[in-house]
Amino acid sequence: MDSLTAAIKLRSLLKMHDHIVQQLQHLDEIIQSLDFKISSRSEEGYISGGYQLILRKGVVQGIRETFDMYRRVKWEQIQDCVNGIISDLQGEINSPPSNTNQDSFSEATGSESSFESFSMEFCELHRGS
């Protein structure tokens, strides 16, 4: 996989991961709200309403666990993609040039380490988008 394709895939994975994290934070807020409602209902003596809230909280916690498992899968995919990019870039740097004359793009950039810098900057720039 070339660096540009890997960077685009990494960008997509980071966006998915960030969206999942936002959803997890929202679910945590819902759980916290339900905890507050459950405690206030128990203080007021509304037992039947408290049971409904406990059931809702259990469902939300189950959904949260599912989202967290999905987040971990995406995080592993991100790590695999990053490791692939790094190994590709190290392979480009360590491999002997196939042609003794550098192409004009390599001459313009000055060194192959700039490819790594560009990839990292590209990922950082588009992560928040």
Protein backbone atom coordinates (compact mmCIF):
# COMPACT_ATOMS: atom_id res chain seq x y z
CA MET A 1 0.00 0.00 0.00
CA ASP A 2 1.44 3.36 -0.95
CA SER A 3 1.80 6.16 1.57
CA LEU A 4 -1.03 8.29 0.23
CA THR A 5 -3.53 5.42 0.33
CA ALA A 6 -2.39 4.52 3.82
CA ALA A 7 -2.70 8.14 4.96
CA ILE A 8 -6.24 8.35 3.57
CA LYS A 9 -7.16 5.09 5.29
CA LEU A 10 -5.62 6.35 8.54
CA ARG A 11 -7.59 9.58 8.28
CA SER A 12 -10.82 7.62 7.85
CA LEU A 13 -10.02 5.35 10.79
CA LEU A 14 -9.18 8.31 13.02
CA LYS A 15 -12.45 10.02 12.13
CA MET A 16 -14.37 6.84 12.99
CA HIS A 17 -12.48 6.45 16.26
CA ASP A 18 -13.08 10.08 17.23
CA HIS A 19 -16.80 9.75 16.46
CA ILE A 20 -17.01 6.62 18.60
CA VAL A 21 -15.25 8.39 21.48
CA GLN A 22 -17.77 11.25 21.23
CA GLN A 23 -20.62 8.73 21.36
CA LEU A 24 -19.05 7.05 24.40
CA GLN A 25 -18.87 10.40 26.17
CA HIS A 26 -22.53 11.03 25.35
CA LEU A 27 -23.48 7.58 26.67
CA ASP A 28 -21.51 8.30 29.86
CA GLU A 29 -23.55 11.49 30.31
CA ILE A 30 -26.78 9.52 29.86
CA ILE A 31 -25.64 6.94 32.42
CA GLN A 32 -24.73 9.69 34.87
CA SER A 33 -28.13 11.33 34.36
CA LEU A 34 -29.89 8.01 34.91
CA ASP A 35 -27.87 7.42 38.09
CA PHE A 36 -29.01 10.80 39.38
CA LYS A 37 -32.64 10.07 38.50
CA ILE A 38 -32.46 6.62 40.11
CA SER A 39 -31.05 8.03 43.34
CA SER A 40 -33.62 10.84 43.45
CA ARG A 41 -36.48 8.41 42.76
CA SER A 42 -35.35 6.10 45.54
CA GLU A 43 -35.21 9.04 47.96
CA GLU A 44 -38.72 10.06 46.97
CA GLY A 45 -40.07 6.52 47.27
CA TYR A 46 -41.07 6.00 43.61
CA ILE A 47 -39.99 2.38 43.35
CA SER A 48 -41.73 1.43 40.08
CA GLY A 49 -40.24 4.40 38.23
CA GLY A 50 -36.86 3.50 39.66
CA TYR A 51 -37.08 0.00 38.17
CA GLN A 52 -37.73 1.44 34.72
CA LEU A 53 -34.74 3.73 35.07
CA ILE A 54 -32.56 0.83 36.21
CA LEU A 55 -33.60 -1.13 33.12
CA ARG A 56 -32.83 1.85 30.88
CA LYS A 57 -29.45 2.24 32.53
CA GLY A 58 -28.70 -1.44 31.92
CA VAL A 59 -29.56 -1.08 28.23
CA VAL A 60 -27.44 2.06 27.87
CA GLN A 61 -24.52 0.34 29.61
CA GLY A 62 -24.81 -2.59 27.20
CA ILE A 63 -24.79 -0.22 24.23
CA ARG A 64 -21.79 1.56 25.72
CA GLU A 65 -19.88 -1.71 26.08
CA THR A 66 -20.63 -2.54 22.43
CA PHE A 67 -19.38 0.88 21.31
CA ASP A 68 -16.25 0.44 23.43
CA MET A 69 -15.51 -2.94 21.82
CA TYR A 70 -15.94 -1.33 18.39
CA ARG A 71 -13.63 1.51 19.46
CA ARG A 72 -10.95 -1.01 20.45
CA VAL A 73 -11.23 -2.73 17.07
CA LYS A 74 -10.80 0.61 15.28
CA TRP A 75 -7.85 1.48 17.53
CA GLU A 76 -6.14 -1.79 16.57
CA GLN A 77 -6.77 -1.00 12.89
CA ILE A 78 -5.25 2.46 13.42
CA GLN A 79 -2.17 0.90 15.00
CA ASP A 80 -1.86 -1.58 12.12
CA CYS A 81 -2.14 1.24 9.59
CA VAL A 82 0.45 3.37 11.39
CA ASN A 83 2.83 0.41 11.63
CA GLY A 84 2.33 -0.24 7.91
CA ILE A 85 3.10 3.36 7.04
CA ILE A 86 6.21 3.35 9.21
CA SER A 87 7.49 0.07 7.77
CA ASP A 88 6.81 1.30 4.21
CA LEU A 89 8.68 4.52 4.88
CA GLN A 90 11.57 2.69 6.52
CA GLY A 91 11.69 0.36 3.53
CA GLU A 92 11.87 3.34 1.17
CA ILE A 93 14.64 4.94 3.21
CA ASN A 94 16.65 1.73 3.69
CA SER A 95 16.23 0.33 0.18
CA PRO A 96 18.96 1.20 -2.29
CA PRO A 97 17.81 3.51 -5.06
CA SER A 98 16.87 1.66 -8.22
CA ASN A 99 18.19 4.50 -10.34
CA THR A 100 21.37 6.42 -9.71
CA ASN A 101 19.69 9.64 -10.80
CA GLN A 102 17.12 10.96 -8.41
CA ASP A 103 13.84 12.05 -9.91
CA SER A 104 12.86 15.69 -9.80
CA PHE A 105 10.42 15.15 -6.92
CA SER A 106 13.13 13.68 -4.68
CA GLU A 107 15.46 16.52 -5.63
CA ALA A 108 12.79 19.09 -4.82
CA THR A 109 12.05 17.60 -1.38
CA GLY A 110 15.68 17.22 -0.42
CA SER A 111 15.36 13.94 1.47
CA GLU A 112 13.08 10.96 1.79
CA SER A 113 12.46 11.73 5.45
CA SER A 114 10.25 14.57 4.25
CA PHE A 115 7.79 11.91 3.04
CA GLU A 116 7.41 10.78 6.64
CA SER A 117 6.99 14.36 7.80
CA PHE A 118 4.37 15.02 5.13
CA SER A 119 2.41 11.88 6.05
CA MET A 120 2.38 12.77 9.73
CA GLU A 121 1.37 16.38 9.05
CA PHE A 122 -1.34 15.22 6.63
CA CYS A 123 -2.78 12.88 9.25
CA GLU A 124 -2.66 15.50 12.00
CA LEU A 125 -4.22 18.13 9.76
CA HIS A 126 -7.16 15.99 8.72
CA ARG A 127 -7.77 14.20 11.99
CA GLY A 128 -9.88 17.03 13.34
CA SER A 129 -11.81 17.51 10.09
